[in-house]
Amino acid sequence: MEATFFHKNLTKKETQKFLEYVKEKIPAIEILLTKFADDASILKANIEKFEKHDAFQVEFCLVLPTKSLVAKEASHQITKAVDLSKDRLISQIKKHMAILRKERSHKSIRNVELEKAAVFEVVE
């Protein structure tokens, strides 16, 4: 997986902290992407600091051959914002991989199928 980093309104120290912390978290994402070739997925990590609120907004955009996934979170700490975004992205990856496998055990897929079955019963 290739990774690109963008930052806005950060000091050099904050930028360095962001880059190091995201690089620590990338292996957790790569483990889930073994189905795709290494050069087939691109992770775009963006961070923006809001001076007025003293907060950081982190956005992960993962471009896969089958779909693009986006996870965005804001927090007053860089590490917390990165962790929240990573967790949200991982849950999206798991759901997408379950859909690709046509697996019915994922919670969100199971709920959709139950709704379809209920609609079908009402129509008959």
PDB file of N, CA and C in Angstrom:
ATOM      1  N   MET A   1       0.849  -1.172   0.000  1.00  0.00           N
ATOM      2  CA  MET A   1       0.000   0.000   0.000  1.00  0.00           C
ATOM      3  C   MET A   1       0.895   1.236   0.000  1.00  0.00           C
ATOM      4  N   GLU A   2       0.548   2.150  -0.852  1.00  0.00           N
ATOM      5  CA  GLU A   2       1.266   3.415  -0.890  1.00  0.00           C
ATOM      6  C   GLU A   2       0.549   4.422   0.000  1.00  0.00           C
ATOM      7  N   ALA A   3       1.320   5.329   0.591  1.00  0.00           N
ATOM      8  CA  ALA A   3       0.726   6.332   1.479  1.00  0.00           C
ATOM      9  C   ALA A   3       1.240   7.713   1.109  1.00  0.00           C
ATOM     10  N   THR A   4       0.326   8.673   1.078  1.00  0.00           N
ATOM     11  CA  THR A   4       0.694  10.070   0.871  1.00  0.00           C
ATOM     12  C   THR A   4       0.164  10.880   2.042  1.00  0.00           C
ATOM     13  N   PHE A   5       0.883  11.929   2.388  1.00  0.00           N
ATOM     14  CA  PHE A   5       0.541  12.729   3.552  1.00  0.00           C
ATOM     15  C   PHE A   5       0.400  14.193   3.164  1.00  0.00           C
ATOM     16  N   PHE A   6      -0.620  14.834   3.706  1.00  0.00           N
ATOM     17  CA  PHE A   6      -0.841  16.262   3.505  1.00  0.00           C
ATOM     18  C   PHE A   6      -1.100  16.889   4.866  1.00  0.00           C
ATOM     19  N   HIS A   7      -0.628  18.107   5.041  1.00  0.00           N
ATOM     20  CA  HIS A   7      -0.883  18.798   6.309  1.00  0.00           C
ATOM     21  C   HIS A   7      -1.127  20.271   6.043  1.00  0.00           C
ATOM     22  N   LYS A   8      -1.889  20.890   6.931  1.00  0.00           N
ATOM     23  CA  LYS A   8      -2.248  22.299   6.777  1.00  0.00           C
ATOM     24  C   LYS A   8      -2.239  22.952   8.160  1.00  0.00           C
ATOM     25  N   ASN A   9      -1.577  24.070   8.275  1.00  0.00           N
ATOM     26  CA  ASN A   9      -1.508  24.881   9.501  1.00  0.00           C
ATOM     27  C   ASN A   9      -0.826  24.167  10.669  1.00  0.00           C
ATOM     28  N   LEU A  10       0.144  23.307  10.386  1.00  0.00           N
ATOM     29  CA  LEU A  10       0.862  22.599  11.450  1.00  0.00           C
ATOM     30  C   LEU A  10       2.277  23.136  11.608  1.00  0.00           C
ATOM     31  N   THR A  11       2.791  23.038  12.826  1.00  0.00           N
ATOM     32  CA  THR A  11       4.197  23.346  13.053  1.00  0.00           C
ATOM     33  C   THR A  11       5.022  22.134  12.623  1.00  0.00           C
ATOM     34  N   LYS A  12       6.336  22.315  12.560  1.00  0.00           N
ATOM     35  CA  LYS A  12       7.201  21.199  12.156  1.00  0.00           C
ATOM     36  C   LYS A  12       7.123  20.056  13.160  1.00  0.00           C
ATOM     37  N   LYS A  13       7.040  20.389  14.428  1.00  0.00           N
ATOM     38  CA  LYS A  13       6.963  19.364  15.476  1.00  0.00           C
ATOM     39  C   LYS A  13       5.665  18.568  15.350  1.00  0.00           C
ATOM     40  N   GLU A  14       4.556  19.256  15.123  1.00  0.00           N
ATOM     41  CA  GLU A  14       3.264  18.588  14.966  1.00  0.00           C
ATOM     42  C   GLU A  14       3.245  17.723  13.704  1.00  0.00           C
ATOM     43  N   THR A  15       3.858  18.233  12.640  1.00  0.00           N
ATOM     44  CA  THR A  15       3.925  17.473  11.398  1.00  0.00           C
ATOM     45  C   THR A  15       4.712  16.188  11.598  1.00  0.00           C
ATOM     46  N   GLN A  16       5.840  16.282  12.265  1.00  0.00           N
ATOM     47  CA  GLN A  16       6.670  15.112  12.522  1.00  0.00           C
ATOM     48  C   GLN A  16       5.924  14.093  13.386  1.00  0.00           C
ATOM     49  N   LYS A  17       5.230  14.577  14.397  1.00  0.00           N
ATOM     50  CA  LYS A  17       4.457  13.694  15.274  1.00  0.00           C
ATOM     51  C   LYS A  17       3.371  12.970  14.483  1.00  0.00           C
ATOM     52  N   PHE A  18       2.687  13.701  13.604  1.00  0.00           N
ATOM     53  CA  PHE A  18       1.636  13.114  12.768  1.00  0.00           C
ATOM     54  C   PHE A  18       2.204  12.030  11.857  1.00  0.00           C
ATOM     55  N   LEU A  19       3.297  12.326  11.160  1.00  0.00           N
ATOM     56  CA  LEU A  19       3.887  11.363  10.229  1.00  0.00           C
ATOM     57  C   LEU A  19       4.330  10.091  10.944  1.00  0.00           C
ATOM     58  N   GLU A  20       5.007  10.241  12.073  1.00  0.00           N
ATOM     59  CA  GLU A  20       5.479   9.075  12.812  1.00  0.00           C
ATOM     60  C   GLU A  20       4.314   8.232  13.326  1.00  0.00           C
ATOM     61  N   TYR A  21       3.301   8.886  13.844  1.00  0.00           N
ATOM     62  CA  TYR A  21       2.176   8.154  14.431  1.00  0.00           C
ATOM     63  C   TYR A  21       1.363   7.425  13.362  1.00  0.00           C
ATOM     64  N   VAL A  22       1.168   8.064  12.216  1.00  0.00           N
ATOM     65  CA  VAL A  22       0.417   7.407  11.138  1.00  0.00           C
ATOM     66  C   VAL A  22       1.210   6.219  10.601  1.00  0.00           C
ATOM     67  N   LYS A  23       2.509   6.360  10.485  1.00  0.00           N
ATOM     68  CA  LYS A  23       3.331   5.250   9.991  1.00  0.00           C
ATOM     69  C   LYS A  23       3.284   4.054  10.944  1.00  0.00           C
ATOM     70  N   GLU A  24       3.088   4.303  12.239  1.00  0.00           N
ATOM     71  CA  GLU A  24       2.915   3.206  13.193  1.00  0.00           C
ATOM     72  C   GLU A  24       1.588   2.491  12.977  1.00  0.00           C
ATOM     73  N   LYS A  25       0.575   3.214  12.540  1.00  0.00           N
ATOM     74  CA  LYS A  25      -0.778   2.668  12.405  1.00  0.00           C
ATOM     75  C   LYS A  25      -1.027   2.005  11.052  1.00  0.00           C
ATOM     76  N   ILE A  26      -0.201   2.262  10.067  1.00  0.00           N
ATOM     77  CA  ILE A  26      -0.414   1.717   8.722  1.00  0.00           C
ATOM     78  C   ILE A  26      -0.426   0.185   8.689  1.00  0.00           C
ATOM     79  N   PRO A  27       0.444  -0.525   9.417  1.00  0.00           N
ATOM     80  CA  PRO A  27       0.390  -1.996   9.357  1.00  0.00           C
ATOM     81  C   PRO A  27      -0.964  -2.585   9.756  1.00  0.00           C
ATOM     82  N   ALA A  28      -1.686  -1.960  10.669  1.00  0.00           N
ATOM     83  CA  ALA A  28      -3.004  -2.454  11.062  1.00  0.00           C
ATOM     84  C   ALA A  28      -3.983  -2.395   9.886  1.00  0.00           C
ATOM     85  N   ILE A  29      -3.792  -1.422   9.017  1.00  0.00           N
ATOM     86  CA  ILE A  29      -4.653  -1.295   7.832  1.00  0.00           C
ATOM     87  C   ILE A  29      -4.197  -2.260   6.743  1.00  0.00           C
ATOM     88  N   GLU A  30      -2.872  -2.389   6.566  1.00  0.00           N
ATOM     89  CA  GLU A  30      -2.336  -3.258   5.521  1.00  0.00           C
ATOM     90  C   GLU A  30      -2.714  -4.721   5.725  1.00  0.00           C
ATOM     91  N   ILE A  31      -2.836  -5.148   6.983  1.00  0.00           N
ATOM     92  CA  ILE A  31      -3.184  -6.540   7.273  1.00  0.00           C
ATOM     93  C   ILE A  31      -4.526  -6.905   6.646  1.00  0.00           C
ATOM     94  N   LEU A  32      -5.439  -5.959   6.606  1.00  0.00           N
ATOM     95  CA  LEU A  32      -6.775  -6.221   6.062  1.00  0.00           C
ATOM     96  C   LEU A  32      -6.823  -6.194   4.539  1.00  0.00           C
ATOM     97  N   LEU A  33      -5.761  -5.703   3.913  1.00  0.00           N
ATOM     98  CA  LEU A  33      -5.765  -5.522   2.456  1.00  0.00           C
ATOM     99  C   LEU A  33      -4.912  -6.544   1.729  1.00  0.00           C
ATOM    100  N   THR A  34      -4.783  -7.742   2.275  1.00  0.00           N
ATOM    101  CA  THR A  34      -3.934  -8.758   1.646  1.00  0.00           C
ATOM    102  C   THR A  34      -4.518  -9.256   0.326  1.00  0.00           C
ATOM    103  N   LYS A  35      -5.815  -9.073   0.128  1.00  0.00           N
ATOM    104  CA  LYS A  35      -6.458  -9.518  -1.114  1.00  0.00           C
ATOM    105  C   LYS A  35      -5.987  -8.689  -2.318  1.00  0.00           C
ATOM    106  N   PHE A  36      -5.648  -7.434  -2.076  1.00  0.00           N
ATOM    107  CA  PHE A  36      -5.250  -6.532  -3.150  1.00  0.00           C
ATOM    108  C   PHE A  36      -3.732  -6.500  -3.300  1.00  0.00           C
ATOM    109  N   ALA A  37      -3.265  -6.193  -4.497  1.00  0.00           N
ATOM    110  CA  ALA A  37      -1.828  -6.050  -4.729  1.00  0.00           C
ATOM    111  C   ALA A  37      -1.300  -4.852  -3.944  1.00  0.00           C
ATOM    112  N   ASP A  38       0.003  -4.863  -3.648  1.00  0.00           N
ATOM    113  CA  ASP A  38       0.596  -3.793  -2.843  1.00  0.00           C
ATOM    114  C   ASP A  38       0.445  -2.419  -3.490  1.00  0.00           C
ATOM    115  N   ASP A  39       0.564  -2.372  -4.806  1.00  0.00           N
ATOM    116  CA  ASP A  39       0.473  -1.081  -5.482  1.00  0.00           C
ATOM    117  C   ASP A  39      -0.951  -0.742  -5.930  1.00  0.00           C
ATOM    118  N   ALA A  40      -1.924  -1.560  -5.555  1.00  0.00           N
ATOM    119  CA  ALA A  40      -3.311  -1.323  -5.975  1.00  0.00           C
ATOM    120  C   ALA A  40      -4.088  -0.454  -4.995  1.00  0.00           C
ATOM    121  N   SER A  41      -3.536  -0.197  -3.823  1.00  0.00           N
ATOM    122  CA  SER A  41      -4.259   0.609  -2.835  1.00  0.00           C
ATOM    123  C   SER A  41      -3.408   1.808  -2.422  1.00  0.00           C
ATOM    124  N   ILE A  42      -4.069   2.947  -2.283  1.00  0.00           N
ATOM    125  CA  ILE A  42      -3.392   4.184  -1.919  1.00  0.00           C
ATOM    126  C   ILE A  42      -4.104   4.784  -0.711  1.00  0.00           C
ATOM    127  N   LEU A  43      -3.332   5.113   0.311  1.00  0.00           N
ATOM    128  CA  LEU A  43      -3.864   5.766   1.502  1.00  0.00           C
ATOM    129  C   LEU A  43      -3.428   7.221   1.483  1.00  0.00           C
ATOM    130  N   LYS A  44      -4.405   8.115   1.528  1.00  0.00           N
ATOM    131  CA  LYS A  44      -4.123   9.547   1.599  1.00  0.00           C
ATOM    132  C   LYS A  44      -4.469  10.010   3.002  1.00  0.00           C
ATOM    133  N   ALA A  45      -3.470  10.467   3.740  1.00  0.00           N
ATOM    134  CA  ALA A  45      -3.678  10.918   5.120  1.00  0.00           C
ATOM    135  C   ALA A  45      -3.559  12.437   5.146  1.00  0.00           C
ATOM    136  N   ASN A  46      -4.632  13.102   5.543  1.00  0.00           N
ATOM    137  CA  ASN A  46      -4.670  14.564   5.612  1.00  0.00           C
ATOM    138  C   ASN A  46      -4.886  14.994   7.056  1.00  0.00           C
ATOM    139  N   ILE A  47      -4.235  16.078   7.426  1.00  0.00           N
ATOM    140  CA  ILE A  47      -4.471  16.654   8.749  1.00  0.00           C
ATOM    141  C   ILE A  47      -4.541  18.166   8.599  1.00  0.00           C
ATOM    142  N   GLU A  48      -5.455  18.753   9.339  1.00  0.00           N
ATOM    143  CA  GLU A  48      -5.603  20.206   9.351  1.00  0.00           C
ATOM    144  C   GLU A  48      -5.780  20.656  10.784  1.00  0.00           C
ATOM    145  N   LYS A  49      -5.083  21.718  11.139  1.00  0.00           N
ATOM    146  CA  LYS A  49      -5.209  22.274  12.480  1.00  0.00           C
ATOM    147  C   LYS A  49      -6.089  23.512  12.404  1.00  0.00           C
ATOM    148  N   PHE A  50      -7.084  23.561  13.298  1.00  0.00           N
ATOM    149  CA  PHE A  50      -7.958  24.711  13.391  1.00  0.00           C
ATOM    150  C   PHE A  50      -7.510  25.550  14.583  1.00  0.00           C
ATOM    151  N   GLU A  51      -6.966  26.721  14.303  1.00  0.00           N
ATOM    152  CA  GLU A  51      -6.428  27.581  15.359  1.00  0.00           C
ATOM    153  C   GLU A  51      -7.531  28.067  16.303  1.00  0.00           C
ATOM    154  N   LYS A  52      -8.681  28.389  15.761  1.00  0.00           N
ATOM    155  CA  LYS A  52      -9.757  28.953  16.567  1.00  0.00           C
ATOM    156  C   LYS A  52     -10.215  27.978  17.660  1.00  0.00           C
ATOM    157  N   HIS A  53     -10.324  26.698  17.304  1.00  0.00           N
ATOM    158  CA  HIS A  53     -10.816  25.698  18.243  1.00  0.00           C
ATOM    159  C   HIS A  53      -9.700  24.877  18.873  1.00  0.00           C
ATOM    160  N   ASP A  54      -8.459  25.118  18.446  1.00  0.00           N
ATOM    161  CA  ASP A  54      -7.309  24.353  18.926  1.00  0.00           C
ATOM    162  C   ASP A  54      -7.575  22.852  18.757  1.00  0.00           C
ATOM    163  N   ALA A  55      -7.994  22.471  17.549  1.00  0.00           N
ATOM    164  CA  ALA A  55      -8.333  21.077  17.265  1.00  0.00           C
ATOM    165  C   ALA A  55      -7.680  20.638  15.958  1.00  0.00           C
ATOM    166  N   PHE A  56      -7.575  19.320  15.810  1.00  0.00           N
ATOM    167  CA  PHE A  56      -7.002  18.716  14.610  1.00  0.00           C
ATOM    168  C   PHE A  56      -8.059  17.858  13.939  1.00  0.00           C
ATOM    169  N   GLN A  57      -8.144  17.976  12.619  1.00  0.00           N
ATOM    170  CA  GLN A  57      -9.047  17.129  11.853  1.00  0.00           C
ATOM    171  C   GLN A  57      -8.200  16.211  10.980  1.00  0.00           C
ATOM    172  N   VAL A  58      -8.374  14.913  11.148  1.00  0.00           N
ATOM    173  CA  VAL A  58      -7.618  13.915  10.397  1.00  0.00           C
ATOM    174  C   VAL A  58      -8.576  13.197   9.457  1.00  0.00           C
ATOM    175  N   GLU A  59      -8.146  13.045   8.215  1.00  0.00           N
ATOM    176  CA  GLU A  59      -8.957  12.360   7.216  1.00  0.00           C
ATOM    177  C   GLU A  59      -8.099  11.309   6.530  1.00  0.00           C
ATOM    178  N   PHE A  60      -8.591  10.074   6.509  1.00  0.00           N
ATOM    179  CA  PHE A  60      -7.949   8.994   5.779  1.00  0.00           C
ATOM    180  C   PHE A  60      -8.830   8.672   4.582  1.00  0.00           C
ATOM    181  N   CYS A  61      -8.237   8.689   3.410  1.00  0.00           N
ATOM    182  CA  CYS A  61      -8.942   8.309   2.190  1.00  0.00           C
ATOM    183  C   CYS A  61      -8.196   7.115   1.598  1.00  0.00           C
ATOM    184  N   LEU A  62      -8.842   5.975   1.574  1.00  0.00           N
ATOM    185  CA  LEU A  62      -8.236   4.755   1.061  1.00  0.00           C
ATOM    186  C   LEU A  62      -8.860   4.438  -0.288  1.00  0.00           C
ATOM    187  N   VAL A  63      -8.033   4.449  -1.324  1.00  0.00           N
ATOM    188  CA  VAL A  63      -8.502   4.181  -2.674  1.00  0.00           C
ATOM    189  C   VAL A  63      -8.141   2.736  -3.012  1.00  0.00           C
ATOM    190  N   LEU A  64      -9.167   1.915  -3.182  1.00  0.00           N
ATOM    191  CA  LEU A  64      -9.006   0.514  -3.551  1.00  0.00           C
ATOM    192  C   LEU A  64      -9.476   0.329  -4.987  1.00  0.00           C
ATOM    193  N   PRO A  65      -9.115  -0.763  -5.634  1.00  0.00           N
ATOM    194  CA  PRO A  65      -9.609  -0.990  -7.003  1.00  0.00           C
ATOM    195  C   PRO A  65     -11.127  -1.104  -7.082  1.00  0.00           C
ATOM    196  N   THR A  66     -11.757  -1.526  -5.985  1.00  0.00           N
ATOM    197  CA  THR A  66     -13.201  -1.744  -6.009  1.00  0.00           C
ATOM    198  C   THR A  66     -14.007  -0.604  -5.414  1.00  0.00           C
ATOM    199  N   LYS A  67     -13.386   0.218  -4.555  1.00  0.00           N
ATOM    200  CA  LYS A  67     -14.132   1.271  -3.879  1.00  0.00           C
ATOM    201  C   LYS A  67     -13.173   2.234  -3.191  1.00  0.00           C
ATOM    202  N   SER A  68     -13.641   3.454  -2.950  1.00  0.00           N
ATOM    203  CA  SER A  68     -12.886   4.431  -2.160  1.00  0.00           C
ATOM    204  C   SER A  68     -13.576   4.590  -0.810  1.00  0.00           C
ATOM    205  N   LEU A  69     -12.786   4.542   0.251  1.00  0.00           N
ATOM    206  CA  LEU A  69     -13.308   4.665   1.607  1.00  0.00           C
ATOM    207  C   LEU A  69     -12.730   5.913   2.255  1.00  0.00           C
ATOM    208  N   VAL A  70     -13.560   6.657   2.981  1.00  0.00           N
ATOM    209  CA  VAL A  70     -13.125   7.886   3.630  1.00  0.00           C
ATOM    210  C   VAL A  70     -13.523   7.846   5.101  1.00  0.00           C
ATOM    211  N   ALA A  71     -12.559   8.180   5.961  1.00  0.00           N
ATOM    212  CA  ALA A  71     -12.818   8.271   7.400  1.00  0.00           C
ATOM    213  C   ALA A  71     -12.263   9.597   7.892  1.00  0.00           C
ATOM    214  N   LYS A  72     -13.110  10.383   8.546  1.00  0.00           N
ATOM    215  CA  LYS A  72     -12.717  11.713   8.998  1.00  0.00           C
ATOM    216  C   LYS A  72     -13.128  11.887  10.456  1.00  0.00           C
ATOM    217  N   GLU A  73     -12.190  12.358  11.276  1.00  0.00           N
ATOM    218  CA  GLU A  73     -12.456  12.597  12.687  1.00  0.00           C
ATOM    219  C   GLU A  73     -11.701  13.842  13.141  1.00  0.00           C
ATOM    220  N   ALA A  74     -12.201  14.472  14.185  1.00  0.00           N
ATOM    221  CA  ALA A  74     -11.565  15.658  14.754  1.00  0.00           C
ATOM    222  C   ALA A  74     -11.386  15.465  16.252  1.00  0.00           C
ATOM    223  N   SER A  75     -10.294  16.014  16.771  1.00  0.00           N
ATOM    224  CA  SER A  75     -10.017  15.923  18.202  1.00  0.00           C
ATOM    225  C   SER A  75      -9.022  17.010  18.569  1.00  0.00           C
ATOM    226  N   HIS A  76      -8.848  17.212  19.869  1.00  0.00           N
ATOM    227  CA  HIS A  76      -7.886  18.200  20.343  1.00  0.00           C
ATOM    228  C   HIS A  76      -6.473  17.641  20.404  1.00  0.00           C
ATOM    229  N   GLN A  77      -6.324  16.340  20.210  1.00  0.00           N
ATOM    230  CA  GLN A  77      -5.005  15.704  20.203  1.00  0.00           C
ATOM    231  C   GLN A  77      -4.787  15.011  18.866  1.00  0.00           C
ATOM    232  N   ILE A  78      -3.572  15.102  18.357  1.00  0.00           N
ATOM    233  CA  ILE A  78      -3.260  14.474  17.074  1.00  0.00           C
ATOM    234  C   ILE A  78      -3.441  12.962  17.163  1.00  0.00           C
ATOM    235  N   THR A  79      -2.915  12.365  18.221  1.00  0.00           N
ATOM    236  CA  THR A  79      -2.965  10.903  18.340  1.00  0.00           C
ATOM    237  C   THR A  79      -4.399  10.389  18.442  1.00  0.00           C
ATOM    238  N   LYS A  80      -5.219  11.084  19.169  1.00  0.00           N
ATOM    239  CA  LYS A  80      -6.620  10.651  19.319  1.00  0.00           C
ATOM    240  C   LYS A  80      -7.364  10.760  17.993  1.00  0.00           C
ATOM    241  N   ALA A  81      -7.137  11.833  17.257  1.00  0.00           N
ATOM    242  CA  ALA A  81      -7.795  12.006  15.958  1.00  0.00           C
ATOM    243  C   ALA A  81      -7.354  10.920  14.980  1.00  0.00           C
ATOM    244  N   VAL A  82      -6.065  10.586  14.998  1.00  0.00           N
ATOM    245  CA  VAL A  82      -5.562   9.535  14.107  1.00  0.00           C
ATOM    246  C   VAL A  82      -6.164   8.184  14.496  1.00  0.00           C
ATOM    247  N   ASP A  83      -6.204   7.889  15.794  1.00  0.00           N
ATOM    248  CA  ASP A  83      -6.771   6.614  16.248  1.00  0.00           C
ATOM    249  C   ASP A  83      -8.242   6.483  15.872  1.00  0.00           C
ATOM    250  N   LEU A  84      -9.010   7.537  16.069  1.00  0.00           N
ATOM    251  CA  LEU A  84     -10.434   7.487  15.736  1.00  0.00           C
ATOM    252  C   LEU A  84     -10.651   7.305  14.236  1.00  0.00           C
ATOM    253  N   SER A  85      -9.866   8.005  13.429  1.00  0.00           N
ATOM    254  CA  SER A  85      -9.983   7.871  11.974  1.00  0.00           C
ATOM    255  C   SER A  85      -9.580   6.471  11.528  1.00  0.00           C
ATOM    256  N   LYS A  86      -8.511   5.953  12.111  1.00  0.00           N
ATOM    257  CA  LYS A  86      -8.050   4.614  11.754  1.00  0.00           C
ATOM    258  C   LYS A  86      -9.101   3.570  12.107  1.00  0.00           C
ATOM    259  N   ASP A  87      -9.698   3.695  13.275  1.00  0.00           N
ATOM    260  CA  ASP A  87     -10.724   2.739  13.690  1.00  0.00           C
ATOM    261  C   ASP A  87     -11.937   2.784  12.759  1.00  0.00           C
ATOM    262  N   ARG A  88     -12.329   3.975  12.382  1.00  0.00           N
ATOM    263  CA  ARG A  88     -13.471   4.121  11.471  1.00  0.00           C
ATOM    264  C   ARG A  88     -13.136   3.522  10.102  1.00  0.00           C
ATOM    265  N   LEU A  89     -11.921   3.741   9.627  1.00  0.00           N
ATOM    266  CA  LEU A  89     -11.506   3.194   8.331  1.00  0.00           C
ATOM    267  C   LEU A  89     -11.444   1.665   8.389  1.00  0.00           C
ATOM    268  N   ILE A  90     -10.934   1.124   9.475  1.00  0.00           N
ATOM    269  CA  ILE A  90     -10.839  -0.327   9.604  1.00  0.00           C
ATOM    270  C   ILE A  90     -12.231  -0.964   9.588  1.00  0.00           C
ATOM    271  N   SER A  91     -13.185  -0.357  10.262  1.00  0.00           N
ATOM    272  CA  SER A  91     -14.540  -0.917  10.246  1.00  0.00           C
ATOM    273  C   SER A  91     -15.139  -0.858   8.840  1.00  0.00           C
ATOM    274  N   GLN A  92     -14.847   0.195   8.096  1.00  0.00           N
ATOM    275  CA  GLN A  92     -15.332   0.288   6.715  1.00  0.00           C
ATOM    276  C   GLN A  92     -14.670  -0.766   5.833  1.00  0.00           C
ATOM    277  N   ILE A  93     -13.379  -1.003   6.047  1.00  0.00           N
ATOM    278  CA  ILE A  93     -12.664  -2.022   5.263  1.00  0.00           C
ATOM    279  C   ILE A  93     -13.251  -3.398   5.544  1.00  0.00           C
ATOM    280  N   LYS A  94     -13.489  -3.712   6.822  1.00  0.00           N
ATOM    281  CA  LYS A  94     -14.054  -5.020   7.173  1.00  0.00           C
ATOM    282  C   LYS A  94     -15.416  -5.220   6.529  1.00  0.00           C
ATOM    283  N   LYS A  95     -16.240  -4.189   6.546  1.00  0.00           N
ATOM    284  CA  LYS A  95     -17.561  -4.287   5.937  1.00  0.00           C
ATOM    285  C   LYS A  95     -17.438  -4.484   4.430  1.00  0.00           C
ATOM    286  N   HIS A  96     -16.559  -3.733   3.793  1.00  0.00           N
ATOM    287  CA  HIS A  96     -16.387  -3.841   2.341  1.00  0.00           C
ATOM    288  C   HIS A  96     -15.858  -5.217   1.951  1.00  0.00           C
ATOM    289  N   MET A  97     -14.909  -5.740   2.716  1.00  0.00           N
ATOM    290  CA  MET A  97     -14.364  -7.064   2.411  1.00  0.00           C
ATOM    291  C   MET A  97     -15.434  -8.143   2.594  1.00  0.00           C
ATOM    292  N   ALA A  98     -16.317  -7.987   3.577  1.00  0.00           N
ATOM    293  CA  ALA A  98     -17.406  -8.939   3.768  1.00  0.00           C
ATOM    294  C   ALA A  98     -18.370  -8.899   2.585  1.00  0.00           C
ATOM    295  N   ILE A  99     -18.614  -7.713   2.075  1.00  0.00           N
ATOM    296  CA  ILE A  99     -19.483  -7.587   0.896  1.00  0.00           C
ATOM    297  C   ILE A  99     -18.835  -8.238  -0.312  1.00  0.00           C
ATOM    298  N   LEU A 100     -17.525  -8.054  -0.481  1.00  0.00           N
ATOM    299  CA  LEU A 100     -16.830  -8.672  -1.614  1.00  0.00           C
ATOM    300  C   LEU A 100     -16.868 -10.201  -1.527  1.00  0.00           C
ATOM    301  N   ARG A 101     -16.791 -10.728  -0.319  1.00  0.00           N
ATOM    302  CA  ARG A 101     -16.849 -12.181  -0.121  1.00  0.00           C
ATOM    303  C   ARG A 101     -18.276 -12.705  -0.158  1.00  0.00           C
ATOM    304  N   LYS A 102     -19.235 -11.782  -0.238  1.00  0.00           N
ATOM    305  CA  LYS A 102     -20.657 -12.132  -0.183  1.00  0.00           C
ATOM    306  C   LYS A 102     -20.971 -12.887   1.097  1.00  0.00           C
ATOM    307  N   GLU A 103     -20.332 -12.438   2.159  1.00  0.00           N
ATOM    308  CA  GLU A 103     -20.518 -13.037   3.477  1.00  0.00           C
ATOM    309  C   GLU A 103     -21.749 -12.428   4.130  1.00  0.00           C
ATOM    310  N   ARG A 104     -22.547 -13.223   4.767  1.00  0.00           N
ATOM    311  CA  ARG A 104     -23.784 -12.744   5.350  1.00  0.00           C
ATOM    312  C   ARG A 104     -23.668 -12.468   6.855  1.00  0.00           C
ATOM    313  N   SER A 105     -22.497 -12.726   7.436  1.00  0.00           N
ATOM    314  CA  SER A 105     -22.388 -12.618   8.892  1.00  0.00           C
ATOM    315  C   SER A 105     -22.137 -11.197   9.387  1.00  0.00           C
ATOM    316  N   HIS A 106     -21.756 -10.281   8.504  1.00  0.00           N
ATOM    317  CA  HIS A 106     -21.497  -8.918   8.958  1.00  0.00           C
ATOM    318  C   HIS A 106     -22.808  -8.271   9.376  1.00  0.00           C
ATOM    319  N   LYS A 107     -22.783  -7.570  10.492  1.00  0.00           N
ATOM    320  CA  LYS A 107     -23.993  -7.011  11.102  1.00  0.00           C
ATOM    321  C   LYS A 107     -24.791  -6.137  10.133  1.00  0.00           C
ATOM    322  N   SER A 108     -24.118  -5.247   9.415  1.00  0.00           N
ATOM    323  CA  SER A 108     -24.837  -4.322   8.537  1.00  0.00           C
ATOM    324  C   SER A 108     -25.463  -5.041   7.348  1.00  0.00           C
ATOM    325  N   ILE A 109     -24.812  -6.064   6.852  1.00  0.00           N
ATOM    326  CA  ILE A 109     -25.358  -6.820   5.723  1.00  0.00           C
ATOM    327  C   ILE A 109     -26.564  -7.623   6.175  1.00  0.00           C
ATOM    328  N   ARG A 110     -26.465  -8.219   7.348  1.00  0.00           N
ATOM    329  CA  ARG A 110     -27.548  -9.028   7.896  1.00  0.00           C
ATOM    330  C   ARG A 110     -28.805  -8.187   8.106  1.00  0.00           C
ATOM    331  N   ASN A 111     -28.654  -6.960   8.592  1.00  0.00           N
ATOM    332  CA  ASN A 111     -29.799  -6.076   8.824  1.00  0.00           C
ATOM    333  C   ASN A 111     -30.503  -5.722   7.522  1.00  0.00           C
ATOM    334  N   VAL A 112     -29.752  -5.471   6.471  1.00  0.00           N
ATOM    335  CA  VAL A 112     -30.336  -5.124   5.175  1.00  0.00           C
ATOM    336  C   VAL A 112     -31.141  -6.300   4.637  1.00  0.00           C
ATOM    337  N   GLU A 113     -30.595  -7.500   4.798  1.00  0.00           N
ATOM    338  CA  GLU A 113     -31.307  -8.671   4.290  1.00  0.00           C
ATOM    339  C   GLU A 113     -32.588  -8.936   5.083  1.00  0.00           C
ATOM    340  N   LEU A 114     -32.570  -8.680   6.386  1.00  0.00           N
ATOM    341  CA  LEU A 114     -33.786  -8.841   7.189  1.00  0.00           C
ATOM    342  C   LEU A 114     -34.856  -7.845   6.760  1.00  0.00           C
ATOM    343  N   GLU A 115     -34.451  -6.619   6.449  1.00  0.00           N
ATOM    344  CA  GLU A 115     -35.405  -5.617   5.986  1.00  0.00           C
ATOM    345  C   GLU A 115     -36.009  -6.022   4.646  1.00  0.00           C
ATOM    346  N   LYS A 116     -35.178  -6.547   3.742  1.00  0.00           N
ATOM    347  CA  LYS A 116     -35.688  -6.994   2.446  1.00  0.00           C
ATOM    348  C   LYS A 116     -36.681  -8.138   2.621  1.00  0.00           C
ATOM    349  N   ALA A 117     -36.379  -9.052   3.518  1.00  0.00           N
ATOM    350  CA  ALA A 117     -37.283 -10.175   3.759  1.00  0.00           C
ATOM    351  C   ALA A 117     -38.604  -9.695   4.336  1.00  0.00           C
ATOM    352  N   ALA A 118     -38.557  -8.713   5.232  1.00  0.00           N
ATOM    353  CA  ALA A 118     -39.783  -8.172   5.831  1.00  0.00           C
ATOM    354  C   ALA A 118     -40.636  -7.480   4.778  1.00  0.00           C
ATOM    355  N   VAL A 119     -40.018  -6.746   3.887  1.00  0.00           N
ATOM    356  CA  VAL A 119     -40.752  -6.064   2.807  1.00  0.00           C
ATOM    357  C   VAL A 119     -41.379  -7.095   1.882  1.00  0.00           C
ATOM    358  N   PHE A 120     -40.638  -8.162   1.590  1.00  0.00           N
ATOM    359  CA  PHE A 120     -41.138  -9.209   0.707  1.00  0.00           C
ATOM    360  C   PHE A 120     -42.359  -9.886   1.315  1.00  0.00           C
ATOM    361  N   GLU A 121     -42.334 -10.130   2.632  1.00  0.00           N
ATOM    362  CA  GLU A 121     -43.467 -10.779   3.292  1.00  0.00           C
ATOM    363  C   GLU A 121     -44.696  -9.878   3.287  1.00  0.00           C
ATOM    364  N   VAL A 122     -44.517  -8.584   3.448  1.00  0.00           N
ATOM    365  CA  VAL A 122     -45.633  -7.648   3.474  1.00  0.00           C
ATOM    366  C   VAL A 122     -46.268  -7.551   2.090  1.00  0.00           C
ATOM    367  N   VAL A 123     -45.460  -7.592   1.054  1.00  0.00           N
ATOM    368  CA  VAL A 123     -45.964  -7.462  -0.319  1.00  0.00           C
ATOM    369  C   VAL A 123     -46.810  -8.684  -0.685  1.00  0.00           C
ATOM    370  N   GLU A 124     -46.430  -9.851  -0.233  1.00  0.00           N
ATOM    371  CA  GLU A 124     -47.188 -11.064  -0.581  1.00  0.00           C
ATOM    372  C   GLU A 124     -48.481 -11.044   0.116  1.00  0.00           C
TER     373      GLU A 124
END
